[in-house]
N, C-alpha and C. Protein backbone atom coordinates (compact mmCIF):
# COMPACT_ATOMS: atom_id res chain seq x y z
N UNK A 1 25.65 16.44 -10.06
CA UNK A 1 26.63 15.77 -10.90
C UNK A 1 27.77 16.71 -11.26
N UNK A 2 27.42 17.92 -11.72
CA UNK A 2 28.45 18.89 -12.10
C UNK A 2 29.31 19.27 -10.90
N UNK A 3 28.69 19.39 -9.73
CA UNK A 3 29.42 19.72 -8.52
C UNK A 3 30.45 18.66 -8.18
N UNK A 4 30.10 17.38 -8.36
CA UNK A 4 31.03 16.29 -8.10
C UNK A 4 32.21 16.33 -9.07
N UNK A 5 31.94 16.64 -10.31
CA UNK A 5 32.99 16.73 -11.33
C UNK A 5 33.95 17.86 -10.98
N UNK A 6 33.39 19.01 -10.61
CA UNK A 6 34.23 20.15 -10.23
C UNK A 6 35.04 19.86 -8.98
N UNK A 7 34.45 19.18 -8.02
CA UNK A 7 35.15 18.83 -6.79
C UNK A 7 36.31 17.88 -7.09
N UNK A 8 36.08 16.90 -7.95
CA UNK A 8 37.14 15.97 -8.32
C UNK A 8 38.27 16.70 -9.06
N UNK A 9 37.92 17.61 -9.94
CA UNK A 9 38.92 18.39 -10.67
C UNK A 9 39.76 19.22 -9.70
N UNK A 10 39.11 19.78 -8.71
CA UNK A 10 39.82 20.57 -7.69
C UNK A 10 40.79 19.68 -6.91
N UNK A 11 40.36 18.50 -6.52
CA UNK A 11 41.22 17.57 -5.80
C UNK A 11 42.44 17.20 -6.63
N UNK A 12 42.22 16.88 -7.89
CA UNK A 12 43.33 16.51 -8.78
C UNK A 12 44.30 17.68 -8.93
N UNK A 13 43.76 18.88 -9.07
CA UNK A 13 44.58 20.08 -9.20
C UNK A 13 45.50 20.23 -7.98
N UNK A 14 44.95 20.10 -6.78
CA UNK A 14 45.76 20.27 -5.58
C UNK A 14 46.80 19.15 -5.42
N UNK A 15 46.49 17.96 -5.90
CA UNK A 15 47.47 16.87 -5.88
C UNK A 15 48.63 17.22 -6.81
N UNK A 16 48.32 17.66 -8.02
CA UNK A 16 49.36 18.02 -8.99
C UNK A 16 50.22 19.16 -8.46
N UNK A 17 49.59 20.17 -7.90
CA UNK A 17 50.34 21.31 -7.35
C UNK A 17 51.25 20.84 -6.21
N UNK A 18 50.76 19.98 -5.34
CA UNK A 18 51.57 19.48 -4.23
C UNK A 18 52.79 18.72 -4.76
N UNK A 19 52.59 17.90 -5.78
CA UNK A 19 53.70 17.15 -6.38
C UNK A 19 54.73 18.10 -6.98
N UNK A 20 54.26 19.09 -7.70
CA UNK A 20 55.18 20.05 -8.32
C UNK A 20 55.97 20.81 -7.25
N UNK A 21 55.29 21.26 -6.21
CA UNK A 21 55.98 22.00 -5.14
C UNK A 21 57.01 21.13 -4.44
N UNK A 22 56.65 19.88 -4.18
CA UNK A 22 57.52 18.98 -3.42
C UNK A 22 58.73 18.53 -4.24
N UNK A 23 58.48 18.07 -5.47
CA UNK A 23 59.56 17.49 -6.26
C UNK A 23 60.32 18.50 -7.11
N UNK A 24 59.64 19.47 -7.66
CA UNK A 24 60.31 20.42 -8.56
C UNK A 24 60.82 21.66 -7.82
N UNK A 25 60.02 22.16 -6.89
CA UNK A 25 60.43 23.34 -6.13
C UNK A 25 61.15 22.97 -4.83
N UNK A 26 61.16 21.67 -4.52
CA UNK A 26 61.81 21.14 -3.32
C UNK A 26 61.32 21.81 -2.04
N UNK A 27 60.02 22.06 -1.98
CA UNK A 27 59.39 22.65 -0.80
C UNK A 27 59.14 21.57 0.24
N UNK A 28 59.36 21.88 1.50
CA UNK A 28 59.02 20.91 2.54
C UNK A 28 57.49 20.79 2.70
N UNK A 29 57.07 19.67 3.24
CA UNK A 29 55.65 19.40 3.42
C UNK A 29 54.97 20.49 4.24
N UNK A 30 55.64 20.96 5.28
CA UNK A 30 55.07 22.00 6.13
C UNK A 30 54.77 23.28 5.37
N UNK A 31 55.66 23.65 4.47
CA UNK A 31 55.45 24.86 3.69
C UNK A 31 54.30 24.68 2.68
N UNK A 32 54.25 23.51 2.07
CA UNK A 32 53.16 23.22 1.13
C UNK A 32 51.82 23.28 1.86
N UNK A 33 51.78 22.73 3.06
CA UNK A 33 50.52 22.75 3.82
C UNK A 33 50.06 24.17 4.11
N UNK A 34 51.01 25.08 4.36
CA UNK A 34 50.65 26.47 4.61
C UNK A 34 50.12 27.13 3.34
N UNK A 35 50.78 26.88 2.21
CA UNK A 35 50.35 27.47 0.93
C UNK A 35 48.96 26.96 0.55
N UNK A 36 48.73 25.66 0.71
CA UNK A 36 47.45 25.07 0.33
C UNK A 36 46.39 25.18 1.43
N UNK A 37 46.81 25.69 2.59
CA UNK A 37 45.90 25.85 3.73
C UNK A 37 45.22 24.54 4.14
N UNK A 38 46.05 23.50 4.26
CA UNK A 38 45.59 22.19 4.70
C UNK A 38 46.62 21.65 5.70
N UNK A 39 46.29 20.55 6.35
CA UNK A 39 47.23 19.96 7.31
C UNK A 39 48.39 19.26 6.58
N UNK A 40 49.48 19.06 7.32
CA UNK A 40 50.61 18.33 6.74
C UNK A 40 50.20 16.92 6.35
N UNK A 41 49.31 16.33 7.13
CA UNK A 41 48.82 14.99 6.82
C UNK A 41 48.11 14.94 5.47
N UNK A 42 47.37 15.99 5.15
CA UNK A 42 46.68 16.05 3.87
C UNK A 42 47.69 16.13 2.73
N UNK A 43 48.74 16.93 2.91
CA UNK A 43 49.78 17.03 1.87
C UNK A 43 50.46 15.67 1.69
N UNK A 44 50.79 15.01 2.79
CA UNK A 44 51.43 13.69 2.71
C UNK A 44 50.52 12.70 2.01
N UNK A 45 49.23 12.77 2.30
CA UNK A 45 48.25 11.89 1.66
C UNK A 45 48.20 12.15 0.15
N UNK A 46 48.20 13.41 -0.24
CA UNK A 46 48.16 13.76 -1.66
C UNK A 46 49.41 13.26 -2.38
N UNK A 47 50.57 13.41 -1.74
CA UNK A 47 51.81 12.93 -2.35
C UNK A 47 51.80 11.41 -2.47
N UNK A 48 51.29 10.74 -1.44
CA UNK A 48 51.21 9.28 -1.48
C UNK A 48 50.26 8.82 -2.59
N UNK A 49 49.13 9.49 -2.72
CA UNK A 49 48.17 9.16 -3.78
C UNK A 49 48.83 9.30 -5.15
N UNK A 50 49.58 10.39 -5.33
CA UNK A 50 50.25 10.62 -6.62
C UNK A 50 51.30 9.56 -6.89
N UNK A 51 52.08 9.19 -5.86
CA UNK A 51 53.10 8.14 -6.04
C UNK A 51 52.45 6.82 -6.47
N UNK A 52 51.35 6.47 -5.83
CA UNK A 52 50.66 5.22 -6.18
C UNK A 52 50.14 5.26 -7.61
N UNK A 53 49.60 6.39 -8.02
CA UNK A 53 49.07 6.53 -9.39
C UNK A 53 50.20 6.42 -10.41
N UNK A 54 51.33 7.05 -10.11
CA UNK A 54 52.49 6.98 -11.02
C UNK A 54 53.02 5.56 -11.09
N UNK A 55 53.13 4.91 -9.93
CA UNK A 55 53.62 3.52 -9.88
C UNK A 55 52.72 2.61 -10.72
N UNK A 56 51.41 2.78 -10.59
CA UNK A 56 50.46 1.96 -11.34
C UNK A 56 50.62 2.20 -12.85
N UNK A 57 50.77 3.46 -13.24
CA UNK A 57 50.95 3.79 -14.65
C UNK A 57 52.23 3.18 -15.22
N UNK A 58 53.30 3.27 -14.44
CA UNK A 58 54.58 2.70 -14.89
C UNK A 58 54.46 1.18 -15.03
N UNK A 59 53.86 0.53 -14.05
CA UNK A 59 53.69 -0.93 -14.11
C UNK A 59 52.84 -1.34 -15.31
N UNK A 60 51.78 -0.61 -15.58
CA UNK A 60 50.93 -0.88 -16.74
C UNK A 60 51.72 -0.74 -18.03
N UNK A 61 52.51 0.31 -18.13
CA UNK A 61 53.35 0.55 -19.31
C UNK A 61 54.36 -0.58 -19.48
N UNK A 62 55.01 -0.99 -18.39
CA UNK A 62 55.99 -2.07 -18.44
C UNK A 62 55.37 -3.37 -18.92
N UNK A 63 54.18 -3.68 -18.41
CA UNK A 63 53.50 -4.90 -18.82
C UNK A 63 53.09 -4.84 -20.29
N UNK A 64 52.60 -3.71 -20.72
CA UNK A 64 52.12 -3.55 -22.09
C UNK A 64 53.25 -3.69 -23.10
N UNK A 65 54.40 -3.07 -22.79
CA UNK A 65 55.51 -3.05 -23.75
C UNK A 65 56.64 -4.02 -23.41
N UNK A 66 56.51 -4.75 -22.31
CA UNK A 66 57.49 -5.76 -21.97
C UNK A 66 58.87 -5.20 -21.66
N UNK A 67 58.90 -4.02 -21.10
CA UNK A 67 60.19 -3.43 -20.72
C UNK A 67 60.14 -3.00 -19.27
N UNK A 68 61.30 -2.85 -18.68
CA UNK A 68 61.40 -2.41 -17.28
C UNK A 68 61.98 -1.01 -17.26
N UNK A 69 61.25 -0.09 -16.67
CA UNK A 69 61.74 1.29 -16.56
C UNK A 69 62.56 1.48 -15.32
């Protein structure tokens, strides 16, 4: 159980780092993949996962408060 929790935390950490590198540091996907030692496809997947999570959060917020962001 603890191992699964730690693994999930590690996955979330690498997603957050990929997002920060891509959007804030303006690093290309290829460079991020080298830093994180994963394939470019993995970086793209992490960025896509983050975009979907953000989109869902924004939609939930809009529905809850009746406003459009």
